[in-house]
Amino acid sequence: TVYLQMNSLKPEDTAVYYCAATPRLPNGLCVLSPSV
């Protein structure tokens, strides 16, 4: 399991939250690009 601990939440954090996975990135690298 992967967790996202969210503290000090603000109204602007209101959203649908999605988790996503990719095997394409090498060890030690992650990027915040949905297309990946």
PDB file of all heavy atoms in Angstrom:
ATOM      1  N   THR A   1       0.844  -1.194   0.000  1.00  0.00           N
ATOM      2  CA  THR A   1       0.000   0.000   0.000  1.00  0.00           C
ATOM      3  C   THR A   1       0.880   1.246   0.000  1.00  0.00           C
ATOM      4  O   THR A   1       1.942   1.261   0.622  1.00  0.00           O
ATOM      5  CB  THR A   1      -0.923   0.009   1.241  1.00  0.00           C
ATOM      6  OG1 THR A   1      -1.743  -1.164   1.222  1.00  0.00           O
ATOM      7  CG2 THR A   1      -1.820   1.238   1.251  1.00  0.00           C
ATOM      8  N   VAL A   2       0.413   2.257  -0.694  1.00  0.00           N
ATOM      9  CA  VAL A   2       1.050   3.572  -0.667  1.00  0.00           C
ATOM     10  C   VAL A   2       0.073   4.538  -0.017  1.00  0.00           C
ATOM     11  O   VAL A   2      -1.116   4.537  -0.340  1.00  0.00           O
ATOM     12  CB  VAL A   2       1.427   4.044  -2.073  1.00  0.00           C
ATOM     13  CG1 VAL A   2       1.951   5.481  -2.044  1.00  0.00           C
ATOM     14  CG2 VAL A   2       2.474   3.110  -2.681  1.00  0.00           C
ATOM     15  N   TYR A   3       0.592   5.352   0.883  1.00  0.00           N
ATOM     16  CA  TYR A   3      -0.244   6.281   1.638  1.00  0.00           C
ATOM     17  C   TYR A   3       0.065   7.726   1.256  1.00  0.00           C
ATOM     18  O   TYR A   3       1.183   8.062   0.868  1.00  0.00           O
ATOM     19  CB  TYR A   3      -0.003   6.116   3.134  1.00  0.00           C
ATOM     20  CG  TYR A   3      -0.320   4.747   3.672  1.00  0.00           C
ATOM     21  CD1 TYR A   3       0.689   3.840   3.973  1.00  0.00           C
ATOM     22  CD2 TYR A   3      -1.637   4.353   3.871  1.00  0.00           C
ATOM     23  CE1 TYR A   3       0.402   2.585   4.469  1.00  0.00           C
ATOM     24  CE2 TYR A   3      -1.938   3.088   4.371  1.00  0.00           C
ATOM     25  CZ  TYR A   3      -0.917   2.210   4.665  1.00  0.00           C
ATOM     26  OH  TYR A   3      -1.208   0.966   5.150  1.00  0.00           O
ATOM     27  N   LEU A   4      -0.933   8.562   1.423  1.00  0.00           N
ATOM     28  CA  LEU A   4      -0.732  10.006   1.352  1.00  0.00           C
ATOM     29  C   LEU A   4      -1.314  10.582   2.639  1.00  0.00           C
ATOM     30  O   LEU A   4      -2.536  10.646   2.803  1.00  0.00           O
ATOM     31  CB  LEU A   4      -1.411  10.614   0.128  1.00  0.00           C
ATOM     32  CG  LEU A   4      -1.134  12.098  -0.064  1.00  0.00           C
ATOM     33  CD1 LEU A   4       0.346  12.341  -0.397  1.00  0.00           C
ATOM     34  CD2 LEU A   4      -2.028  12.698  -1.161  1.00  0.00           C
ATOM     35  N   GLN A   5      -0.434  10.954   3.544  1.00  0.00           N
ATOM     36  CA  GLN A   5      -0.854  11.586   4.790  1.00  0.00           C
ATOM     37  C   GLN A   5      -1.033  13.071   4.523  1.00  0.00           C
ATOM     38  O   GLN A   5      -0.087  13.737   4.093  1.00  0.00           O
ATOM     39  CB  GLN A   5       0.183  11.366   5.886  1.00  0.00           C
ATOM     40  CG  GLN A   5      -0.145  12.043   7.207  1.00  0.00           C
ATOM     41  CD  GLN A   5      -1.368  11.451   7.883  1.00  0.00           C
ATOM     42  OE1 GLN A   5      -1.520  10.238   7.941  1.00  0.00           O
ATOM     43  NE2 GLN A   5      -2.243  12.310   8.397  1.00  0.00           N
ATOM     44  N   MET A   6      -2.223  13.570   4.784  1.00  0.00           N
ATOM     45  CA  MET A   6      -2.541  14.969   4.490  1.00  0.00           C
ATOM     46  C   MET A   6      -2.874  15.684   5.791  1.00  0.00           C
ATOM     47  O   MET A   6      -3.842  15.336   6.468  1.00  0.00           O
ATOM     48  CB  MET A   6      -3.737  15.037   3.528  1.00  0.00           C
ATOM     49  CG  MET A   6      -3.551  14.212   2.262  1.00  0.00           C
ATOM     50  SD  MET A   6      -4.858  14.456   1.061  1.00  0.00           S
ATOM     51  CE  MET A   6      -6.274  13.856   1.970  1.00  0.00           C
ATOM     52  N   ASN A   7      -2.047  16.646   6.129  1.00  0.00           N
ATOM     53  CA  ASN A   7      -2.238  17.435   7.347  1.00  0.00           C
ATOM     54  C   ASN A   7      -2.503  18.897   6.999  1.00  0.00           C
ATOM     55  O   ASN A   7      -2.250  19.326   5.878  1.00  0.00           O
ATOM     56  CB  ASN A   7      -1.006  17.334   8.245  1.00  0.00           C
ATOM     57  CG  ASN A   7      -0.716  15.916   8.699  1.00  0.00           C
ATOM     58  OD1 ASN A   7      -1.623  15.104   8.896  1.00  0.00           O
ATOM     59  ND2 ASN A   7       0.564  15.610   8.871  1.00  0.00           N
ATOM     60  N   SER A   8      -3.008  19.634   7.973  1.00  0.00           N
ATOM     61  CA  SER A   8      -3.274  21.066   7.796  1.00  0.00           C
ATOM     62  C   SER A   8      -4.071  21.317   6.524  1.00  0.00           C
ATOM     63  O   SER A   8      -3.733  22.191   5.714  1.00  0.00           O
ATOM     64  CB  SER A   8      -1.945  21.847   7.757  1.00  0.00           C
ATOM     65  OG  SER A   8      -1.212  21.645   8.937  1.00  0.00           O
ATOM     66  N   LEU A   9      -5.115  20.562   6.357  1.00  0.00           N
ATOM     67  CA  LEU A   9      -5.903  20.647   5.128  1.00  0.00           C
ATOM     68  C   LEU A   9      -6.602  21.987   4.992  1.00  0.00           C
ATOM     69  O   LEU A   9      -7.035  22.591   5.987  1.00  0.00           O
ATOM     70  CB  LEU A   9      -6.918  19.507   5.073  1.00  0.00           C
ATOM     71  CG  LEU A   9      -6.308  18.153   4.701  1.00  0.00           C
ATOM     72  CD1 LEU A   9      -7.224  17.005   5.093  1.00  0.00           C
ATOM     73  CD2 LEU A   9      -6.002  18.101   3.212  1.00  0.00           C
ATOM     74  N   LYS A  10      -6.704  22.443   3.745  1.00  0.00           N
ATOM     75  CA  LYS A  10      -7.309  23.722   3.410  1.00  0.00           C
ATOM     76  C   LYS A  10      -8.493  23.488   2.467  1.00  0.00           C
ATOM     77  O   LYS A  10      -8.530  22.479   1.752  1.00  0.00           O
ATOM     78  CB  LYS A  10      -6.281  24.609   2.716  1.00  0.00           C
ATOM     79  CG  LYS A  10      -4.993  24.809   3.478  1.00  0.00           C
ATOM     80  CD  LYS A  10      -3.982  25.596   2.649  1.00  0.00           C
ATOM     81  CE  LYS A  10      -2.664  25.773   3.366  1.00  0.00           C
ATOM     82  NZ  LYS A  10      -1.681  26.533   2.557  1.00  0.00           N
ATOM     83  N   PRO A  11      -9.423  24.420   2.423  1.00  0.00           N
ATOM     84  CA  PRO A  11     -10.542  24.262   1.488  1.00  0.00           C
ATOM     85  C   PRO A  11     -10.089  24.054   0.041  1.00  0.00           C
ATOM     86  O   PRO A  11     -10.728  23.313  -0.708  1.00  0.00           O
ATOM     87  CB  PRO A  11     -11.314  25.573   1.658  1.00  0.00           C
ATOM     88  CG  PRO A  11     -11.041  25.983   3.063  1.00  0.00           C
ATOM     89  CD  PRO A  11      -9.619  25.573   3.312  1.00  0.00           C
ATOM     90  N   GLU A  12      -8.978  24.672  -0.330  1.00  0.00           N
ATOM     91  CA  GLU A  12      -8.492  24.512  -1.699  1.00  0.00           C
ATOM     92  C   GLU A  12      -7.900  23.134  -1.974  1.00  0.00           C
ATOM     93  O   GLU A  12      -7.547  22.830  -3.107  1.00  0.00           O
ATOM     94  CB  GLU A  12      -7.461  25.597  -2.039  1.00  0.00           C
ATOM     95  CG  GLU A  12      -6.333  25.751  -1.039  1.00  0.00           C
ATOM     96  CD  GLU A  12      -6.596  26.850  -0.020  1.00  0.00           C
ATOM     97  OE1 GLU A  12      -7.751  26.969   0.477  1.00  0.00           O
ATOM     98  OE2 GLU A  12      -5.635  27.596   0.288  1.00  0.00           O
ATOM     99  N   ASP A  13      -7.785  22.304  -0.960  1.00  0.00           N
ATOM    100  CA  ASP A  13      -7.378  20.911  -1.174  1.00  0.00           C
ATOM    101  C   ASP A  13      -8.546  20.032  -1.588  1.00  0.00           C
ATOM    102  O   ASP A  13      -8.358  18.857  -1.915  1.00  0.00           O
ATOM    103  CB  ASP A  13      -6.752  20.333   0.104  1.00  0.00           C
ATOM    104  CG  ASP A  13      -5.445  20.992   0.479  1.00  0.00           C
ATOM    105  OD1 ASP A  13      -4.628  21.252  -0.427  1.00  0.00           O
ATOM    106  OD2 ASP A  13      -5.237  21.248   1.685  1.00  0.00           O
ATOM    107  N   THR A  14      -9.740  20.576  -1.573  1.00  0.00           N
ATOM    108  CA  THR A  14     -10.924  19.820  -1.980  1.00  0.00           C
ATOM    109  C   THR A  14     -10.795  19.370  -3.432  1.00  0.00           C
ATOM    110  O   THR A  14     -10.570  20.193  -4.325  1.00  0.00           O
ATOM    111  CB  THR A  14     -12.189  20.672  -1.804  1.00  0.00           C
ATOM    112  OG1 THR A  14     -12.380  20.948  -0.409  1.00  0.00           O
ATOM    113  CG2 THR A  14     -13.414  19.945  -2.354  1.00  0.00           C
ATOM    114  N   ALA A  15     -10.916  18.077  -3.652  1.00  0.00           N
ATOM    115  CA  ALA A  15     -10.741  17.512  -4.993  1.00  0.00           C
ATOM    116  C   ALA A  15     -10.998  16.009  -4.928  1.00  0.00           C
ATOM    117  O   ALA A  15     -11.109  15.428  -3.843  1.00  0.00           O
ATOM    118  CB  ALA A  15      -9.331  17.767  -5.512  1.00  0.00           C
ATOM    119  N   VAL A  16     -11.067  15.401  -6.095  1.00  0.00           N
ATOM    120  CA  VAL A  16     -10.984  13.946  -6.188  1.00  0.00           C
ATOM    121  C   VAL A  16      -9.507  13.596  -6.304  1.00  0.00           C
ATOM    122  O   VAL A  16      -8.800  14.152  -7.150  1.00  0.00           O
ATOM    123  CB  VAL A  16     -11.766  13.398  -7.387  1.00  0.00           C
ATOM    124  CG1 VAL A  16     -11.607  11.885  -7.471  1.00  0.00           C
ATOM    125  CG2 VAL A  16     -13.242  13.776  -7.282  1.00  0.00           C
ATOM    126  N   TYR A  17      -9.073  12.695  -5.463  1.00  0.00           N
ATOM    127  CA  TYR A  17      -7.673  12.288  -5.432  1.00  0.00           C
ATOM    128  C   TYR A  17      -7.531  10.918  -6.077  1.00  0.00           C
ATOM    129  O   TYR A  17      -8.269   9.978  -5.749  1.00  0.00           O
ATOM    130  CB  TYR A  17      -7.161  12.250  -3.990  1.00  0.00           C
ATOM    131  CG  TYR A  17      -6.890  13.623  -3.438  1.00  0.00           C
ATOM    132  CD1 TYR A  17      -7.934  14.502  -3.139  1.00  0.00           C
ATOM    133  CD2 TYR A  17      -5.583  14.067  -3.223  1.00  0.00           C
ATOM    134  CE1 TYR A  17      -7.693  15.780  -2.652  1.00  0.00           C
ATOM    135  CE2 TYR A  17      -5.333  15.339  -2.730  1.00  0.00           C
ATOM    136  CZ  TYR A  17      -6.392  16.182  -2.457  1.00  0.00           C
ATOM    137  OH  TYR A  17      -6.135  17.442  -1.967  1.00  0.00           O
ATOM    138  N   TYR A  18      -6.570  10.829  -6.986  1.00  0.00           N
ATOM    139  CA  TYR A  18      -6.326   9.602  -7.723  1.00  0.00           C
ATOM    140  C   TYR A  18      -4.909   9.107  -7.441  1.00  0.00           C
ATOM    141  O   TYR A  18      -3.977   9.902  -7.405  1.00  0.00           O
ATOM    142  CB  TYR A  18      -6.434   9.836  -9.223  1.00  0.00           C
ATOM    143  CG  TYR A  18      -7.773  10.328  -9.699  1.00  0.00           C
ATOM    144  CD1 TYR A  18      -8.051  11.693  -9.755  1.00  0.00           C
ATOM    145  CD2 TYR A  18      -8.759   9.437 -10.116  1.00  0.00           C
ATOM    146  CE1 TYR A  18      -9.277  12.157 -10.200  1.00  0.00           C
ATOM    147  CE2 TYR A  18      -9.986   9.894 -10.566  1.00  0.00           C
ATOM    148  CZ  TYR A  18     -10.240  11.250 -10.604  1.00  0.00           C
ATOM    149  OH  TYR A  18     -11.458  11.697 -11.056  1.00  0.00           O
ATOM    150  N   CYS A  19      -4.763   7.800  -7.295  1.00  0.00           N
ATOM    151  CA  CYS A  19      -3.408   7.260  -7.322  1.00  0.00           C
ATOM    152  C   CYS A  19      -3.167   6.635  -8.692  1.00  0.00           C
ATOM    153  O   CYS A  19      -4.105   6.208  -9.375  1.00  0.00           O
ATOM    154  CB  CYS A  19      -3.146   6.265  -6.193  1.00  0.00           C
ATOM    155  SG  CYS A  19      -3.945   4.678  -6.339  1.00  0.00           S
ATOM    156  N   ALA A  20      -1.925   6.630  -9.081  1.00  0.00           N
ATOM    157  CA  ALA A  20      -1.525   6.139 -10.388  1.00  0.00           C
ATOM    158  C   ALA A  20      -0.183   5.447 -10.273  1.00  0.00           C
ATOM    159  O   ALA A  20       0.605   5.758  -9.372  1.00  0.00           O
ATOM    160  CB  ALA A  20      -1.454   7.292 -11.388  1.00  0.00           C
ATOM    161  N   ALA A  21       0.072   4.542 -11.194  1.00  0.00           N
ATOM    162  CA  ALA A  21       1.301   3.756 -11.151  1.00  0.00           C
ATOM    163  C   ALA A  21       1.942   3.695 -12.521  1.00  0.00           C
ATOM    164  O   ALA A  21       1.245   3.727 -13.549  1.00  0.00           O
ATOM    165  CB  ALA A  21       0.994   2.340 -10.654  1.00  0.00           C
ATOM    166  N   THR A  22       3.254   3.594 -12.532  1.00  0.00           N
ATOM    167  CA  THR A  22       3.972   3.375 -13.772  1.00  0.00           C
ATOM    168  C   THR A  22       5.211   2.542 -13.508  1.00  0.00           C
ATOM    169  O   THR A  22       5.924   2.776 -12.528  1.00  0.00           O
ATOM    170  CB  THR A  22       4.364   4.696 -14.450  1.00  0.00           C
ATOM    171  OG1 THR A  22       5.072   4.394 -15.656  1.00  0.00           O
ATOM    172  CG2 THR A  22       5.264   5.550 -13.565  1.00  0.00           C
ATOM    173  N   PRO A  23       5.500   1.580 -14.401  1.00  0.00           N
ATOM    174  CA  PRO A  23       6.748   0.823 -14.279  1.00  0.00           C
ATOM    175  C   PRO A  23       7.877   1.458 -15.100  1.00  0.00           C
ATOM    176  O   PRO A  23       9.000   0.962 -15.092  1.00  0.00           O
ATOM    177  CB  PRO A  23       6.366  -0.538 -14.863  1.00  0.00           C
ATOM    178  CG  PRO A  23       5.386  -0.193 -15.943  1.00  0.00           C
ATOM    179  CD  PRO A  23       4.643   1.016 -15.456  1.00  0.00           C
ATOM    180  N   ARG A  24       7.571   2.564 -15.779  1.00  0.00           N
ATOM    181  CA  ARG A  24       8.478   3.102 -16.803  1.00  0.00           C
ATOM    182  C   ARG A  24       9.626   3.920 -16.243  1.00  0.00           C
ATOM    183  O   ARG A  24      10.602   4.168 -16.951  1.00  0.00           O
ATOM    184  CB  ARG A  24       7.682   3.948 -17.794  1.00  0.00           C
ATOM    185  CG  ARG A  24       6.642   3.166 -18.569  1.00  0.00           C
ATOM    186  CD  ARG A  24       5.832   4.083 -19.466  1.00  0.00           C
ATOM    187  NE  ARG A  24       4.849   3.336 -20.254  1.00  0.00           N
ATOM    188  CZ  ARG A  24       3.943   3.904 -21.028  1.00  0.00           C
ATOM    189  NH1 ARG A  24       3.900   5.231 -21.139  1.00  0.00           N
ATOM    190  NH2 ARG A  24       3.090   3.162 -21.703  1.00  0.00           N
ATOM    191  N   LEU A  25       9.502   4.393 -15.028  1.00  0.00           N
ATOM    192  CA  LEU A  25      10.537   5.255 -14.486  1.00  0.00           C
ATOM    193  C   LEU A  25      11.605   4.422 -13.805  1.00  0.00           C
ATOM    194  O   LEU A  25      11.307   3.419 -13.166  1.00  0.00           O
ATOM    195  CB  LEU A  25       9.930   6.241 -13.491  1.00  0.00           C
ATOM    196  CG  LEU A  25       8.939   7.249 -14.082  1.00  0.00           C
ATOM    197  CD1 LEU A  25       8.301   8.080 -12.967  1.00  0.00           C
ATOM    198  CD2 LEU A  25       9.618   8.144 -15.094  1.00  0.00           C
ATOM    199  N   PRO A  26      12.851   4.831 -13.902  1.00  0.00           N
ATOM    200  CA  PRO A  26      13.913   4.080 -13.245  1.00  0.00           C
ATOM    201  C   PRO A  26      13.865   4.263 -11.736  1.00  0.00           C
ATOM    202  O   PRO A  26      13.208   5.183 -11.220  1.00  0.00           O
ATOM    203  CB  PRO A  26      15.185   4.695 -13.825  1.00  0.00           C
ATOM    204  CG  PRO A  26      14.787   6.077 -14.223  1.00  0.00           C
ATOM    205  CD  PRO A  26      13.357   5.989 -14.656  1.00  0.00           C
ATOM    206  N   ASN A  27      14.568   3.374 -11.043  1.00  0.00           N
ATOM    207  CA  ASN A  27      14.669   3.525  -9.592  1.00  0.00           C
ATOM    208  C   ASN A  27      15.171   4.917  -9.241  1.00  0.00           C
ATOM    209  O   ASN A  27      16.069   5.447  -9.882  1.00  0.00           O
ATOM    210  CB  ASN A  27      15.626   2.485  -9.022  1.00  0.00           C
ATOM    211  CG  ASN A  27      15.035   1.094  -9.028  1.00  0.00           C
ATOM    212  OD1 ASN A  27      13.857   0.915  -9.290  1.00  0.00           O
ATOM    213  ND2 ASN A  27      15.861   0.109  -8.760  1.00  0.00           N
ATOM    214  N   GLY A  28      14.567   5.485  -8.208  1.00  0.00           N
ATOM    215  CA  GLY A  28      15.041   6.770  -7.729  1.00  0.00           C
ATOM    216  C   GLY A  28      14.464   7.974  -8.428  1.00  0.00           C
ATOM    217  O   GLY A  28      14.814   9.107  -8.099  1.00  0.00           O
ATOM    218  N   LEU A  29      13.566   7.748  -9.371  1.00  0.00           N
ATOM    219  CA  LEU A  29      13.001   8.878 -10.103  1.00  0.00           C
ATOM    220  C   LEU A  29      11.485   8.824 -10.068  1.00  0.00           C
ATOM    221  O   LEU A  29      10.882   7.781 -10.304  1.00  0.00           O
ATOM    222  CB  LEU A  29      13.476   8.873 -11.555  1.00  0.00           C
ATOM    223  CG  LEU A  29      12.919   9.991 -12.454  1.00  0.00           C
ATOM    224  CD1 LEU A  29      13.433  11.350 -11.994  1.00  0.00           C
ATOM    225  CD2 LEU A  29      13.296   9.734 -13.911  1.00  0.00           C
ATOM    226  N   CYS A  30      10.861   9.933  -9.759  1.00  0.00           N
ATOM    227  CA  CYS A  30       9.430  10.048  -9.974  1.00  0.00           C
ATOM    228  C   CYS A  30       9.146  11.473 -10.432  1.00  0.00           C
ATOM    229  O   CYS A  30       9.856  12.403 -10.064  1.00  0.00           O
ATOM    230  CB  CYS A  30       8.613   9.698  -8.729  1.00  0.00           C
ATOM    231  SG  CYS A  30       8.726  10.859  -7.359  1.00  0.00           S
ATOM    232  N   VAL A  31       8.146  11.620 -11.252  1.00  0.00           N
ATOM    233  CA  VAL A  31       7.786  12.924 -11.816  1.00  0.00           C
ATOM    234  C   VAL A  31       6.284  13.115 -11.702  1.00  0.00           C
ATOM    235  O   VAL A  31       5.521  12.152 -11.744  1.00  0.00           O
ATOM    236  CB  VAL A  31       8.231  13.051 -13.284  1.00  0.00           C
ATOM    237  CG1 VAL A  31       9.733  13.049 -13.386  1.00  0.00           C
ATOM    238  CG2 VAL A  31       7.641  11.940 -14.136  1.00  0.00           C
ATOM    239  N   LEU A  32       5.869  14.349 -11.580  1.00  0.00           N
ATOM    240  CA  LEU A  32       4.450  14.650 -11.393  1.00  0.00           C
ATOM    241  C   LEU A  32       3.775  14.967 -12.715  1.00  0.00           C
ATOM    242  O   LEU A  32       3.064  15.963 -12.844  1.00  0.00           O
ATOM    243  CB  LEU A  32       4.302  15.804 -10.403  1.00  0.00           C
ATOM    244  CG  LEU A  32       4.761  15.493  -8.977  1.00  0.00           C
ATOM    245  CD1 LEU A  32       4.726  16.746  -8.111  1.00  0.00           C
ATOM    246  CD2 LEU A  32       3.906  14.398  -8.379  1.00  0.00           C
ATOM    247  N   SER A  33       3.982  14.093 -13.682  1.00  0.00           N
ATOM    248  CA  SER A  33       3.387  14.266 -15.001  1.00  0.00           C
ATOM    249  C   SER A  33       2.398  13.149 -15.242  1.00  0.00           C
ATOM    250  O   SER A  33       2.778  11.978 -15.325  1.00  0.00           O
ATOM    251  CB  SER A  33       4.477  14.243 -16.065  1.00  0.00           C
ATOM    252  OG  SER A  33       3.895  14.285 -17.350  1.00  0.00           O
ATOM    253  N   PRO A  34       1.102  13.462 -15.368  1.00  0.00           N
ATOM    254  CA  PRO A  34       0.108  12.391 -15.533  1.00  0.00           C
ATOM    255  C   PRO A  34       0.381  11.488 -16.733  1.00  0.00           C
ATOM    256  O   PRO A  34       0.064  10.298 -16.690  1.00  0.00           O
ATOM    257  CB  PRO A  34      -1.207  13.160 -15.714  1.00  0.00           C
ATOM    258  CG  PRO A  34      -0.977  14.473 -15.050  1.00  0.00           C
ATOM    259  CD  PRO A  34       0.465  14.789 -15.286  1.00  0.00           C
ATOM    260  N   SER A  35       0.980  12.029 -17.785  1.00  0.00           N
ATOM    261  CA  SER A  35       1.178  11.246 -19.005  1.00  0.00           C
ATOM    262  C   SER A  35       2.144  10.097 -18.812  1.00  0.00           C
ATOM    263  O   SER A  35       2.156   9.152 -19.604  1.00  0.00           O
ATOM    264  CB  SER A  35       1.656  12.144 -20.136  1.00  0.00           C
ATOM    265  OG  SER A  35       2.903  12.723 -19.812  1.00  0.00           O
ATOM    266  N   VAL A  36       2.949  10.148 -17.780  1.00  0.00           N
ATOM    267  CA  VAL A  36       3.933   9.100 -17.516  1.00  0.00           C
ATOM    268  C   VAL A  36       3.288   7.859 -16.898  1.00  0.00           C
ATOM    269  O   VAL A  36       3.787   6.754 -17.040  1.00  0.00           O
ATOM    270  CB  VAL A  36       5.038   9.649 -16.581  1.00  0.00           C
ATOM    271  CG1 VAL A  36       5.980   8.551 -16.126  1.00  0.00           C
ATOM    272  CG2 VAL A  36       5.810  10.756 -17.289  1.00  0.00           C
TER     273      VAL A  36
END
